[in-house]
N, C-alpha and C. Protein backbone atom coordinates (compact mmCIF):
# COMPACT_ATOMS: atom_id res chain seq x y z
N ILE A 1 42.55 94.60 -8.88
CA ILE A 1 41.50 96.14 -9.58
C ILE A 1 41.46 95.81 -11.04
N GLY A 2 40.30 96.20 -11.72
CA GLY A 2 40.99 96.58 -13.22
C GLY A 2 39.72 95.38 -13.85
N LYS A 3 40.29 95.29 -14.83
CA LYS A 3 39.72 94.20 -16.07
C LYS A 3 40.07 92.94 -15.39
N TRP A 4 38.66 92.29 -16.04
CA TRP A 4 39.48 90.51 -15.75
C TRP A 4 38.64 89.75 -17.07
N ASP A 5 39.27 89.39 -17.70
CA ASP A 5 39.21 88.41 -19.07
C ASP A 5 38.62 87.13 -18.86
N ILE A 6 38.85 87.04 -17.68
CA ILE A 6 38.95 85.21 -17.59
C ILE A 6 37.33 84.66 -17.89
N GLY A 7 35.87 85.58 -17.68
CA GLY A 7 34.37 85.00 -17.85
C GLY A 7 34.25 86.17 -16.39
N SER A 8 32.70 85.91 -16.31
CA SER A 8 31.91 86.87 -15.69
C SER A 8 31.18 85.88 -14.93
N ARG A 9 31.09 84.80 -14.58
CA ARG A 9 29.76 83.77 -13.92
C ARG A 9 30.52 83.10 -13.42
N GLU A 10 30.87 81.91 -13.65
CA GLU A 10 31.80 80.65 -12.57
C GLU A 10 33.11 80.65 -12.18
N GLN A 11 33.78 81.47 -13.56
CA GLN A 11 35.26 82.22 -13.63
C GLN A 11 35.59 83.52 -13.07
N GLY A 12 34.52 83.89 -11.89
CA GLY A 12 35.40 85.71 -11.65
C GLY A 12 35.90 85.74 -10.68
N PRO A 13 36.37 86.89 -10.19
CA PRO A 13 37.58 86.59 -9.26
C PRO A 13 37.64 86.65 -7.98
N LEU A 14 36.12 86.16 -7.73
CA LEU A 14 35.69 85.86 -6.66
C LEU A 14 35.69 84.04 -6.52
N ASP A 15 35.43 84.00 -7.51
CA ASP A 15 35.13 82.15 -7.82
C ASP A 15 37.29 81.50 -8.13
N ARG A 16 37.84 82.43 -8.14
CA ARG A 16 39.30 81.96 -8.50
C ARG A 16 40.28 82.15 -7.26
N GLY A 17 39.19 82.60 -6.18
CA GLY A 17 40.86 82.98 -5.00
C GLY A 17 40.70 83.98 -4.22
N PHE A 18 39.64 85.34 -5.50
CA PHE A 18 40.31 86.86 -4.74
C PHE A 18 39.68 87.12 -3.31
N MET A 19 40.26 87.56 -2.15
CA MET A 19 38.91 88.06 -1.24
C MET A 19 37.84 89.07 -1.10
N GLU A 20 38.05 90.22 -1.94
CA GLU A 20 37.68 91.68 -2.64
C GLU A 20 38.15 91.68 -3.92
N VAL A 21 37.55 92.89 -4.44
CA VAL A 21 37.28 93.27 -6.05
C VAL A 21 36.79 94.60 -6.33
N ALA A 22 37.51 95.39 -7.25
CA ALA A 22 37.32 96.29 -7.50
C ALA A 22 37.43 96.87 -8.91
N ARG A 23 35.96 96.28 -10.06
CA ARG A 23 36.02 96.67 -10.81
C ARG A 23 34.80 97.63 -11.38
N SER A 24 34.53 97.87 -12.81
CA SER A 24 33.78 98.96 -13.40
C SER A 24 32.17 98.00 -13.32
N ALA A 25 31.33 98.80 -13.59
CA ALA A 25 30.30 97.87 -14.37
C ALA A 25 30.52 98.33 -16.04
N PRO A 26 29.62 97.51 -16.22
CA PRO A 26 29.50 97.65 -17.71
C PRO A 26 28.68 99.11 -18.06
N SER A 27 29.55 99.74 -19.36
CA SER A 27 28.92 101.24 -19.69
C SER A 27 29.35 101.43 -21.28
N LYS A 28 28.55 102.53 -21.92
CA LYS A 28 29.18 102.30 -22.90
C LYS A 28 30.79 103.46 -23.01
N LYS A 29 30.85 103.45 -22.15
CA LYS A 29 32.49 104.19 -21.75
C LYS A 29 33.19 103.17 -21.18
N PRO A 30 33.58 102.35 -21.33
CA PRO A 30 34.57 100.99 -20.49
C PRO A 30 35.65 101.50 -19.89
N PHE A 31 36.14 103.31 -19.88
CA PHE A 31 37.03 103.06 -19.23
C PHE A 31 37.00 104.64 -18.18
N ILE A 32 35.73 104.66 -18.05
CA ILE A 32 35.30 106.23 -17.79
C ILE A 32 33.82 105.39 -16.58
N CYS A 33 34.32 106.03 -15.33
CA CYS A 33 33.12 105.37 -13.60
C CYS A 33 32.12 106.53 -13.99
N LEU A 34 31.49 107.03 -12.96
CA LEU A 34 30.97 107.52 -12.47
C LEU A 34 30.35 107.62 -11.10
N ARG A 35 31.17 109.17 -10.60
CA ARG A 35 30.95 109.02 -8.84
C ARG A 35 29.46 108.88 -8.80
N ARG A 36 29.06 108.86 -6.80
CA ARG A 36 28.15 109.44 -6.44
C ARG A 36 27.57 110.84 -7.14
N ASP A 37 27.98 111.88 -7.60
CA ASP A 37 27.44 112.64 -7.56
C ASP A 37 27.00 113.29 -8.82
N GLY A 38 27.39 112.30 -9.84
CA GLY A 38 27.43 112.15 -10.78
C GLY A 38 28.81 112.44 -12.35
N SER A 39 29.14 112.93 -11.22
CA SER A 39 30.63 113.75 -12.01
C SER A 39 31.49 112.03 -13.24
N GLU A 40 32.30 112.36 -14.36
CA GLU A 40 32.98 111.34 -14.61
C GLU A 40 34.23 110.91 -13.79
N VAL A 41 34.90 110.04 -14.13
CA VAL A 41 36.49 109.61 -13.50
C VAL A 41 37.00 108.62 -14.58
N PHE A 42 38.34 108.81 -14.75
CA PHE A 42 38.98 107.63 -15.41
C PHE A 42 39.02 106.69 -14.56
N ARG A 43 38.70 104.87 -14.95
CA ARG A 43 38.75 103.99 -14.22
C ARG A 43 40.19 104.03 -14.07
N THR A 44 41.37 104.86 -14.73
CA THR A 44 42.36 103.71 -14.49
C THR A 44 43.38 104.86 -12.75
N ASP A 45 42.75 106.49 -13.13
CA ASP A 45 42.68 107.17 -12.04
C ASP A 45 42.00 106.76 -10.60
N LEU A 46 40.94 105.78 -10.48
CA LEU A 46 40.39 105.49 -9.66
C LEU A 46 40.81 104.38 -9.02
N ASP A 47 41.42 103.44 -10.15
CA ASP A 47 42.06 102.40 -9.43
C ASP A 47 43.40 102.05 -8.79
N GLY A 48 44.57 103.28 -8.98
CA GLY A 48 45.71 103.78 -8.42
C GLY A 48 45.18 104.42 -6.69
N ASP A 49 43.80 104.81 -7.10
CA ASP A 49 42.79 105.11 -5.47
C ASP A 49 43.19 104.10 -4.88
N TYR A 50 42.15 103.22 -5.16
CA TYR A 50 41.64 101.45 -4.76
C TYR A 50 42.86 100.53 -3.89
N MET A 51 44.58 101.38 -5.18
CA MET A 51 45.55 100.42 -4.74
C MET A 51 46.20 100.55 -3.40
N ALA A 52 46.06 102.07 -3.82
CA ALA A 52 46.77 103.03 -2.82
C ALA A 52 45.81 102.68 -1.16
N GLU A 53 44.74 102.61 -1.29
CA GLU A 53 43.67 102.43 0.11
C GLU A 53 43.72 101.08 -0.19
N PHE A 54 44.37 99.43 -1.01
CA PHE A 54 43.60 98.40 -0.28
C PHE A 54 45.55 98.17 0.85
N VAL A 55 46.61 98.98 0.29
CA VAL A 55 47.95 99.25 0.97
C VAL A 55 47.90 99.33 2.64
N GLU A 56 47.13 100.63 2.72
CA GLU A 56 46.93 101.64 3.82
C GLU A 56 46.12 100.08 4.60
N ARG A 57 44.90 99.23 4.03
CA ARG A 57 43.76 98.91 5.04
C ARG A 57 44.98 97.65 5.43
N ASN A 58 45.30 96.97 4.42
CA ASN A 58 46.42 95.52 4.45
C ASN A 58 48.35 95.66 5.36
N LYS A 59 48.50 96.63 5.71
CA LYS A 59 50.02 97.45 5.10
C LYS A 59 50.56 96.45 6.89
N ASP A 60 49.61 95.95 7.88
CA ASP A 60 50.24 95.02 8.84
C ASP A 60 49.93 93.82 8.88
N LYS A 61 49.54 92.67 7.17
CA LYS A 61 49.61 92.30 7.39
C LYS A 61 49.72 91.20 5.61
N PRO A 62 50.58 90.11 5.25
CA PRO A 62 50.70 89.79 3.99
C PRO A 62 49.57 89.79 3.10
N PHE A 63 49.64 90.82 2.03
CA PHE A 63 48.94 90.28 1.35
C PHE A 63 48.77 90.53 -0.45
N PHE A 64 48.16 89.93 -1.21
CA PHE A 64 48.24 89.66 -2.55
C PHE A 64 47.61 90.66 -3.33
N LEU A 65 48.29 91.83 -3.96
CA LEU A 65 47.03 92.49 -5.26
C LEU A 65 47.75 92.43 -6.97
N TYR A 66 46.63 91.98 -7.49
CA TYR A 66 46.64 92.35 -9.19
C TYR A 66 45.90 93.07 -9.49
N PHE A 67 46.57 94.30 -10.47
CA PHE A 67 45.99 94.96 -10.88
C PHE A 67 46.22 94.96 -12.67
N SER A 68 44.94 94.77 -13.08
CA SER A 68 45.12 94.66 -14.95
C SER A 68 44.37 96.65 -15.15
N PRO A 69 45.40 97.30 -15.30
CA PRO A 69 44.35 98.09 -16.01
C PRO A 69 43.86 98.18 -17.06
N ASN A 70 42.63 99.27 -17.68
CA ASN A 70 41.88 99.45 -18.65
C ASN A 70 42.47 100.44 -19.63
N ALA A 71 43.61 101.10 -19.03
CA ALA A 71 43.96 102.05 -19.54
C ALA A 71 44.86 101.50 -20.58
N ILE A 72 45.81 101.70 -21.59
CA ILE A 72 46.83 101.35 -22.78
C ILE A 72 45.59 100.03 -23.27
N HIS A 73 44.75 99.49 -22.88
CA HIS A 73 43.91 98.15 -23.67
C HIS A 73 43.23 99.20 -24.91
N SER A 74 43.10 98.84 -26.21
CA SER A 74 42.80 99.70 -26.80
C SER A 74 40.83 99.86 -26.40
N PRO A 75 39.70 100.33 -26.89
CA PRO A 75 40.75 101.97 -27.79
C PRO A 75 41.00 102.92 -26.29
N SER A 76 42.03 103.88 -26.82
CA SER A 76 42.58 104.37 -26.40
C SER A 76 41.76 106.57 -25.92
N GLY A 77 40.82 106.34 -26.69
CA GLY A 77 40.47 107.57 -27.38
C GLY A 77 39.60 108.10 -26.02
N ASP A 78 39.20 107.60 -24.92
CA ASP A 78 39.02 107.95 -23.40
C ASP A 78 39.74 108.93 -22.53
N THR A 79 41.65 108.37 -23.10
CA THR A 79 42.70 108.53 -22.50
C THR A 79 42.16 110.17 -22.36
N PRO A 80 42.33 110.71 -20.85
CA PRO A 80 41.72 112.35 -20.47
C PRO A 80 42.80 113.16 -20.91
N ALA A 81 42.78 114.09 -21.41
CA ALA A 81 43.69 115.28 -22.12
C ALA A 81 44.93 116.02 -21.22
N ARG A 82 44.68 115.59 -20.01
CA ARG A 82 45.70 116.02 -18.73
C ARG A 82 46.51 115.01 -19.37
N TYR A 83 46.43 113.92 -19.52
CA TYR A 83 47.64 112.39 -20.02
C TYR A 83 48.28 113.06 -21.03
N GLN A 84 47.72 112.91 -22.30
CA GLN A 84 47.23 113.15 -23.55
C GLN A 84 48.73 113.74 -23.60
N ASN A 85 48.62 115.33 -23.31
CA ASN A 85 49.29 116.32 -23.39
C ASN A 85 51.03 116.59 -23.14
N ARG A 86 50.80 115.44 -21.74
CA ARG A 86 52.20 115.38 -21.52
C ARG A 86 53.19 114.42 -21.78
N SER A 87 52.77 114.02 -23.49
CA SER A 87 53.46 112.89 -24.44
C SER A 87 53.77 114.55 -25.68
N LYS A 88 55.00 113.65 -26.13
CA LYS A 88 55.05 114.57 -27.86
C LYS A 88 54.52 113.68 -28.65
N ALA A 89 54.18 112.34 -28.59
CA ALA A 89 53.70 111.83 -29.15
C ALA A 89 52.51 112.19 -30.63
N LYS A 90 52.54 111.87 -31.19
CA LYS A 90 51.31 112.53 -32.51
C LYS A 90 50.29 111.40 -32.28
N GLY A 91 49.14 111.71 -33.67
CA GLY A 91 48.17 110.85 -33.93
C GLY A 91 47.93 109.84 -32.67
N LYS A 92 47.43 109.03 -33.47
CA LYS A 92 46.81 108.06 -32.20
C LYS A 92 47.84 107.41 -31.38
N ARG A 93 48.93 107.73 -31.50
CA ARG A 93 49.09 107.17 -30.62
C ARG A 93 49.94 108.33 -29.11
N LYS A 94 49.35 109.72 -29.33
CA LYS A 94 49.21 111.12 -28.46
C LYS A 94 48.43 109.81 -27.14
N ALA A 95 47.00 109.63 -28.04
CA ALA A 95 45.84 109.00 -26.54
C ALA A 95 46.67 107.64 -26.24
N LEU A 96 48.02 106.54 -26.91
CA LEU A 96 47.84 106.04 -26.51
C LEU A 96 49.36 105.46 -25.26
N ALA A 97 50.13 106.96 -25.56
CA ALA A 97 50.91 107.16 -24.82
C ALA A 97 50.74 107.75 -23.12
N GLY A 98 49.55 108.48 -23.74
CA GLY A 98 48.56 109.15 -22.12
C GLY A 98 48.23 108.49 -21.66
N ALA A 99 47.52 107.28 -22.02
CA ALA A 99 46.68 106.42 -21.35
C ALA A 99 48.32 105.57 -20.21
N LEU A 100 49.11 105.24 -21.64
CA LEU A 100 50.68 104.51 -20.30
C LEU A 100 50.98 105.53 -19.65
N ILE A 101 50.78 106.49 -19.64
CA ILE A 101 51.21 107.80 -19.00
C ILE A 101 50.67 107.56 -17.33
N ALA A 102 49.05 106.65 -17.78
CA ALA A 102 48.21 107.13 -16.47
C ALA A 102 48.35 106.40 -15.87
N VAL A 103 48.70 104.77 -16.48
CA VAL A 103 49.59 103.68 -15.88
C VAL A 103 50.41 103.72 -14.91
N ASP A 104 51.21 104.61 -15.44
CA ASP A 104 52.38 105.09 -14.37
C ASP A 104 52.55 106.31 -13.16
N ASP A 105 50.83 106.69 -13.46
CA ASP A 105 50.84 107.34 -12.13
C ASP A 105 49.90 106.20 -11.46
N ALA A 106 49.33 105.73 -11.55
CA ALA A 106 48.52 104.36 -10.79
C ALA A 106 49.88 103.65 -10.50
N VAL A 107 50.21 103.31 -10.55
CA VAL A 107 51.50 102.48 -9.88
C VAL A 107 52.32 103.30 -9.56
N GLY A 108 52.97 104.25 -9.70
CA GLY A 108 52.86 105.35 -8.40
C GLY A 108 52.45 105.43 -7.12
N LYS A 109 51.56 105.55 -7.17
CA LYS A 109 50.54 105.59 -6.12
C LYS A 109 50.69 104.10 -5.54
N LEU A 110 50.70 103.38 -5.55
CA LEU A 110 50.60 101.89 -5.13
C LEU A 110 52.01 101.98 -4.40
N LEU A 111 53.11 102.39 -5.26
CA LEU A 111 55.12 102.36 -4.81
C LEU A 111 54.85 103.51 -3.59
N ALA A 112 53.96 104.49 -3.82
CA ALA A 112 54.50 105.75 -2.86
C ALA A 112 54.04 105.39 -1.26
N MET A 113 52.42 104.51 -1.72
CA MET A 113 51.65 104.04 -0.38
C MET A 113 52.89 102.82 0.53
N LEU A 114 53.67 102.03 -0.43
CA LEU A 114 54.83 101.01 0.12
C LEU A 114 55.99 101.70 0.29
N LYS A 115 56.42 102.53 0.13
CA LYS A 115 57.14 103.98 0.69
C LYS A 115 57.01 104.41 2.18
N LYS A 116 55.87 104.73 1.66
CA LYS A 116 55.24 105.17 3.06
C LYS A 116 55.17 104.20 4.69
N HIS A 117 55.32 103.39 4.39
CA HIS A 117 54.40 102.44 5.44
C HIS A 117 55.73 101.34 5.55
N ASN A 118 57.09 101.71 4.92
CA ASN A 118 58.74 100.88 4.77
C ASN A 118 58.31 99.55 4.67
N LEU A 119 57.24 98.89 3.47
CA LEU A 119 56.74 98.28 2.80
C LEU A 119 57.96 97.80 1.48
N GLU A 120 58.66 98.73 0.88
CA GLU A 120 59.10 98.17 0.26
C GLU A 120 60.21 96.94 -0.30
N GLU A 121 60.86 96.87 0.69
CA GLU A 121 62.11 95.54 1.12
C GLU A 121 60.43 94.15 1.34
N ASP A 122 59.62 94.35 1.56
CA ASP A 122 58.89 93.20 1.84
C ASP A 122 57.58 92.85 0.74
N THR A 123 57.85 93.80 -0.57
CA THR A 123 57.12 93.72 -1.23
C THR A 123 57.79 93.31 -2.54
N VAL A 124 57.00 92.19 -3.30
CA VAL A 124 58.07 92.15 -4.58
C VAL A 124 56.89 92.83 -5.64
N VAL A 125 57.38 93.68 -6.74
CA VAL A 125 56.16 93.68 -7.59
C VAL A 125 57.00 93.33 -8.79
N PHE A 126 55.79 92.99 -9.63
CA PHE A 126 55.94 92.48 -11.56
C PHE A 126 55.00 93.35 -11.97
N LEU A 127 55.28 93.96 -13.05
CA LEU A 127 54.41 94.49 -14.15
C LEU A 127 55.05 94.15 -15.31
N ALA A 128 54.65 93.69 -15.89
CA ALA A 128 54.23 92.90 -17.69
C ALA A 128 52.83 93.42 -18.73
N GLY A 129 53.49 93.41 -19.90
CA GLY A 129 52.67 93.12 -20.68
C GLY A 129 51.88 91.76 -21.01
N ASP A 130 50.72 92.32 -21.15
CA ASP A 130 50.06 90.27 -21.51
C ASP A 130 49.73 90.57 -22.88
N ASN A 131 50.22 91.25 -23.68
CA ASN A 131 50.70 90.59 -25.02
C ASN A 131 51.27 92.02 -25.43
N GLY A 132 51.13 91.84 -27.41
CA GLY A 132 51.94 92.98 -28.07
C GLY A 132 50.87 94.24 -28.03
N PRO A 133 51.38 95.59 -28.73
CA PRO A 133 51.12 95.86 -29.37
C PRO A 133 49.49 96.04 -29.72
N ASN A 134 48.70 96.95 -30.24
CA ASN A 134 48.01 97.02 -30.77
C ASN A 134 48.30 97.83 -31.73
N LEU A 135 48.65 97.22 -33.12
CA LEU A 135 48.70 98.00 -34.31
C LEU A 135 48.39 99.32 -35.02
N GLY A 136 46.70 98.53 -34.88
CA GLY A 136 46.05 99.71 -35.00
C GLY A 136 46.31 101.10 -34.49
N GLU A 137 46.68 100.80 -33.36
CA GLU A 137 46.57 102.71 -32.47
C GLU A 137 48.19 102.84 -32.56
N GLN A 138 48.81 102.48 -34.02
CA GLN A 138 49.89 103.02 -34.12
C GLN A 138 51.08 102.79 -32.72
N GLY A 139 50.77 101.65 -32.09
CA GLY A 139 51.79 100.57 -31.11
C GLY A 139 52.34 100.32 -31.83
N SER A 140 54.01 100.37 -31.06
CA SER A 140 55.37 99.58 -32.21
C SER A 140 56.24 98.58 -31.08
N ALA A 141 56.41 97.38 -31.76
CA ALA A 141 56.96 96.02 -31.26
C ALA A 141 58.39 95.51 -31.39
N GLU A 142 58.87 97.25 -32.08
CA GLU A 142 60.20 97.22 -32.78
C GLU A 142 61.11 96.30 -31.06
N PRO A 143 62.39 95.84 -32.14
CA PRO A 143 62.43 95.24 -32.86
C PRO A 143 61.91 94.22 -33.54
N TYR A 144 60.86 93.61 -32.71
CA TYR A 144 59.67 92.65 -33.41
C TYR A 144 59.12 92.72 -34.38
N ARG A 145 58.57 91.97 -35.10
CA ARG A 145 57.63 92.08 -36.06
C ARG A 145 56.11 91.56 -35.65
N GLY A 146 54.77 92.52 -36.35
CA GLY A 146 53.96 91.73 -35.71
C GLY A 146 53.53 92.40 -34.44
N GLY A 147 51.81 92.09 -33.43
CA GLY A 147 51.46 92.84 -32.69
C GLY A 147 49.99 91.96 -32.43
N LYS A 148 49.38 92.70 -31.53
CA LYS A 148 48.25 92.16 -30.83
C LYS A 148 47.71 91.87 -32.28
N GLY A 149 47.18 90.87 -32.57
CA GLY A 149 46.36 90.11 -33.46
C GLY A 149 46.56 90.00 -34.88
N ALA A 150 48.34 90.08 -35.25
CA ALA A 150 49.26 90.08 -35.97
C ALA A 150 49.72 88.18 -36.20
N GLY A 151 49.08 87.02 -35.14
CA GLY A 151 49.43 86.20 -35.60
C GLY A 151 50.33 85.95 -33.65
N THR A 152 50.47 85.10 -33.24
CA THR A 152 51.04 84.40 -32.63
C THR A 152 52.58 83.84 -32.90
N GLN A 153 52.41 83.59 -34.09
CA GLN A 153 54.05 82.72 -34.60
C GLN A 153 54.61 84.23 -34.51
N LEU A 154 54.32 85.72 -34.65
CA LEU A 154 55.39 86.72 -34.62
C LEU A 154 55.16 86.79 -33.71
N GLU A 155 56.57 87.56 -33.26
CA GLU A 155 57.20 87.88 -32.03
C GLU A 155 56.80 88.83 -31.29
N GLY A 156 55.86 89.88 -32.07
CA GLY A 156 55.54 91.03 -32.14
C GLY A 156 54.63 90.99 -31.55
N TRP A 157 53.46 89.74 -31.15
CA TRP A 157 52.08 90.07 -30.24
C TRP A 157 52.62 88.99 -28.68
N VAL A 158 53.41 88.08 -28.74
CA VAL A 158 53.82 87.60 -27.49
C VAL A 158 55.27 88.11 -26.36
N HIS A 159 56.31 88.76 -27.81
CA HIS A 159 57.09 89.32 -26.50
C HIS A 159 56.93 90.22 -26.02
N THR A 160 57.25 91.36 -24.72
CA THR A 160 57.00 91.74 -24.12
C THR A 160 57.44 92.30 -23.24
N PRO A 161 57.46 93.33 -22.62
CA PRO A 161 59.01 93.82 -21.52
C PRO A 161 58.10 93.54 -20.27
N ALA A 162 59.56 93.32 -19.10
CA ALA A 162 58.64 92.92 -17.65
C ALA A 162 59.74 94.20 -16.67
N ILE A 163 59.09 94.19 -15.92
CA ILE A 163 60.10 95.03 -15.09
C ILE A 163 59.88 94.01 -13.21
N VAL A 164 60.75 93.68 -12.98
CA VAL A 164 60.83 93.25 -11.38
C VAL A 164 61.31 93.54 -10.50
N SER A 165 60.19 94.38 -9.25
CA SER A 165 60.96 95.50 -8.26
C SER A 165 61.41 95.00 -7.44
N TRP A 166 62.13 94.68 -5.78
CA TRP A 166 62.37 93.85 -5.13
C TRP A 166 63.25 94.91 -4.52
N PRO A 167 63.43 95.49 -3.32
CA PRO A 167 64.51 96.48 -3.01
C PRO A 167 65.06 95.83 -2.20
N GLY A 168 66.20 95.50 -2.09
CA GLY A 168 67.05 94.87 -0.70
C GLY A 168 66.89 93.18 -1.78
N GLY A 169 65.99 92.76 -2.83
CA GLY A 169 65.97 91.37 -2.61
C GLY A 169 67.04 90.82 -3.29
N ILE A 170 67.00 92.01 -4.60
CA ILE A 170 67.32 91.48 -6.08
C ILE A 170 68.18 92.59 -6.52
N PRO A 171 69.38 92.55 -7.47
CA PRO A 171 70.03 94.06 -7.45
C PRO A 171 69.46 94.94 -7.98
N ALA A 172 69.36 96.13 -8.13
CA ALA A 172 68.54 97.28 -9.11
C ALA A 172 69.48 97.62 -9.86
N GLY A 173 68.77 98.37 -11.12
CA GLY A 173 68.98 98.26 -12.67
C GLY A 173 70.10 97.73 -13.42
N LYS A 174 69.38 95.85 -13.16
CA LYS A 174 69.69 94.99 -14.25
C LYS A 174 68.85 94.67 -15.22
N ALA A 175 69.69 93.77 -16.08
CA ALA A 175 69.09 93.57 -17.01
C ALA A 175 68.90 92.11 -17.35
N TYR A 176 67.73 91.82 -17.21
CA TYR A 176 67.66 90.43 -18.32
C TYR A 176 66.95 89.81 -18.87
N GLU A 177 68.02 89.17 -20.33
CA GLU A 177 67.80 89.42 -21.29
C GLU A 177 66.78 87.54 -21.91
N GLY A 178 66.91 86.70 -20.63
CA GLY A 178 66.21 85.64 -20.86
C GLY A 178 65.03 85.77 -21.57
N LEU A 179 64.74 84.14 -21.85
CA LEU A 179 62.87 84.36 -21.92
C LEU A 179 62.40 83.91 -20.95
N MET A 180 61.54 84.44 -20.67
CA MET A 180 60.80 84.07 -19.17
C MET A 180 58.97 84.37 -19.89
N CYS A 181 58.03 83.97 -18.84
CA CYS A 181 56.94 84.44 -19.01
C CYS A 181 55.93 84.20 -17.86
N THR A 182 54.82 85.31 -17.85
CA THR A 182 53.89 85.71 -16.63
C THR A 182 54.24 83.82 -15.74
N MET A 183 54.11 82.82 -16.52
CA MET A 183 53.75 81.99 -15.24
C MET A 183 54.57 81.95 -14.43
N ASP A 184 56.03 82.35 -14.90
CA ASP A 184 57.19 82.02 -13.53
C ASP A 184 56.61 83.31 -12.57
N PHE A 185 55.81 84.14 -12.49
CA PHE A 185 55.68 85.30 -11.64
C PHE A 185 54.32 84.39 -10.24
N TYR A 186 54.25 83.44 -10.20
CA TYR A 186 53.61 82.47 -9.52
C TYR A 186 54.69 81.87 -9.08
N ALA A 187 55.69 81.18 -9.88
CA ALA A 187 56.21 79.50 -9.07
C ALA A 187 57.34 80.75 -8.61
N THR A 188 58.13 82.15 -8.82
CA THR A 188 59.05 82.99 -8.14
C THR A 188 58.27 83.63 -6.91
N ALA A 189 56.62 84.22 -6.88
CA ALA A 189 56.06 84.26 -5.70
C ALA A 189 55.87 83.47 -4.51
N ALA A 190 55.71 82.06 -5.22
CA ALA A 190 56.10 81.03 -3.74
C ALA A 190 57.32 81.06 -3.76
N ALA A 191 58.18 80.71 -4.53
CA ALA A 191 59.67 80.44 -3.68
C ALA A 191 59.59 81.29 -2.70
N ILE A 192 59.45 82.86 -2.67
CA ILE A 192 59.82 83.94 -1.82
C ILE A 192 59.16 83.62 -0.80
N ALA A 193 57.77 82.89 -0.57
CA ALA A 193 57.21 82.74 0.23
C ALA A 193 57.66 81.10 1.08
N GLY A 194 58.61 80.93 0.59
CA GLY A 194 58.99 79.39 0.95
C GLY A 194 58.34 78.04 0.79
N LYS A 195 57.40 78.48 0.21
CA LYS A 195 56.15 77.85 -0.48
C LYS A 195 56.48 77.02 -2.09
N PRO A 196 56.08 75.47 -2.59
CA PRO A 196 56.51 74.96 -3.19
C PRO A 196 55.18 74.98 -4.02
N PRO A 197 55.35 75.44 -5.50
CA PRO A 197 54.14 76.18 -6.71
C PRO A 197 53.45 74.63 -6.55
N PRO A 198 52.39 74.64 -7.03
CA PRO A 198 51.50 73.47 -7.23
C PRO A 198 51.76 72.95 -8.65
N LYS A 199 51.27 71.82 -8.57
CA LYS A 199 52.57 70.49 -9.52
C LYS A 199 51.46 70.83 -10.60
N ARG A 200 50.90 71.38 -11.12
CA ARG A 200 50.09 71.76 -12.42
C ARG A 200 50.96 73.29 -13.13
N CYS A 201 50.99 74.06 -11.69
CA CYS A 201 52.24 75.72 -12.26
C CYS A 201 53.00 74.97 -13.49
N GLU A 202 53.14 76.10 -14.45
CA GLU A 202 54.39 74.91 -15.24
C GLU A 202 55.70 76.54 -15.52
N GLY A 203 55.30 76.96 -14.41
CA GLY A 203 56.45 78.70 -14.38
C GLY A 203 57.54 77.88 -13.42
N LYS A 204 58.37 78.94 -13.61
CA LYS A 204 59.57 78.70 -13.02
C LYS A 204 60.63 79.60 -12.18
N ASP A 205 61.09 79.45 -11.31
CA ASP A 205 61.40 80.46 -10.20
C ASP A 205 62.48 81.44 -10.57
N LEU A 206 61.68 82.88 -11.06
CA LEU A 206 63.07 83.50 -11.51
C LEU A 206 64.81 83.92 -10.51
N LEU A 207 64.18 84.28 -9.24
CA LEU A 207 65.20 84.19 -7.87
C LEU A 207 66.52 84.22 -8.95
N PRO A 208 67.02 83.19 -9.04
CA PRO A 208 68.53 82.51 -9.39
C PRO A 208 69.15 83.49 -11.08
N TYR A 209 67.98 83.69 -11.60
CA TYR A 209 67.96 84.74 -12.57
C TYR A 209 68.10 86.20 -12.58
N LEU A 210 67.40 86.09 -11.67
CA LEU A 210 67.38 88.14 -11.42
C LEU A 210 68.31 87.88 -10.44
N LYS A 211 68.89 87.08 -10.19
CA LYS A 211 70.16 88.14 -8.83
C LYS A 211 71.51 87.12 -9.62
N GLY A 212 71.14 87.25 -10.58
CA GLY A 212 72.52 87.00 -11.80
C GLY A 212 73.25 85.60 -11.43
N LYS A 213 72.84 84.48 -10.71
CA LYS A 213 72.69 83.43 -10.30
C LYS A 213 73.27 82.46 -11.14
N LYS A 214 72.23 83.01 -12.25
CA LYS A 214 72.10 82.15 -13.02
C LYS A 214 71.91 82.92 -14.62
N THR A 215 71.96 82.41 -15.26
CA THR A 215 72.07 83.18 -17.25
C THR A 215 71.38 82.25 -17.91
N GLY A 216 70.76 82.73 -19.47
CA GLY A 216 70.08 82.17 -20.10
C GLY A 216 68.87 81.94 -20.16
N ASP A 217 68.00 81.54 -20.48
CA ASP A 217 66.60 81.22 -21.00
C ASP A 217 66.21 80.25 -19.22
N VAL A 218 65.22 80.80 -18.83
CA VAL A 218 64.47 80.29 -18.12
C VAL A 218 63.88 78.93 -18.64
N HIS A 219 62.98 79.40 -19.61
CA HIS A 219 62.15 78.10 -20.71
C HIS A 219 63.27 78.20 -22.19
N GLU A 220 62.59 76.51 -22.81
CA GLU A 220 63.41 76.19 -23.60
C GLU A 220 62.83 77.01 -24.97
N GLU A 221 61.39 76.73 -24.59
CA GLU A 221 60.63 76.30 -25.27
C GLU A 221 58.76 77.00 -24.34
N LEU A 222 57.69 77.86 -25.04
CA LEU A 222 56.30 77.97 -24.76
C LEU A 222 55.63 77.51 -25.19
């Protein structure tokens, strides 16, 4: 559900193992979609509804859901005023903050549906940024230098926050400061399912670190 930046022909989602896809058609306003009646809808609002509907349909069987929101990705100018006005940010940061709130609401729809069907303890949620902030929209990677487009040698482009939620599976409210990467999500999901990761997967199982059984960096280098 959402963006797909890995190609559109032979590398589309349906060619990479996904069974269904919810994406928007090309448009002059990439973050705005048209409903059947011609009215406009913010893409991330629609994606939140899609996630909730997907869980509703698949609540009685194992599922994998991947959400890559358009909101937060620049440009943020299409972010509806109702989201921007919920932030105290100023200037360009107001639209960016509004986009973040929109994503938060969309993920909230997913979490609410998991709770409705008592799936929280059976579902692992990984939430992470795929790159640092856009400095042109007054994004900030503090305390690190740089950001998206400023050079991958600076941590601000590649060092992003992540949240993992698995009630009953990992302790709540704990912070892990070690070095990890999104490839580890795949290896961790495989470990939870009792399956070995593919040989080509460079990710590592995060569970020992998330449960506090191990400390330090998962990787010495990336």
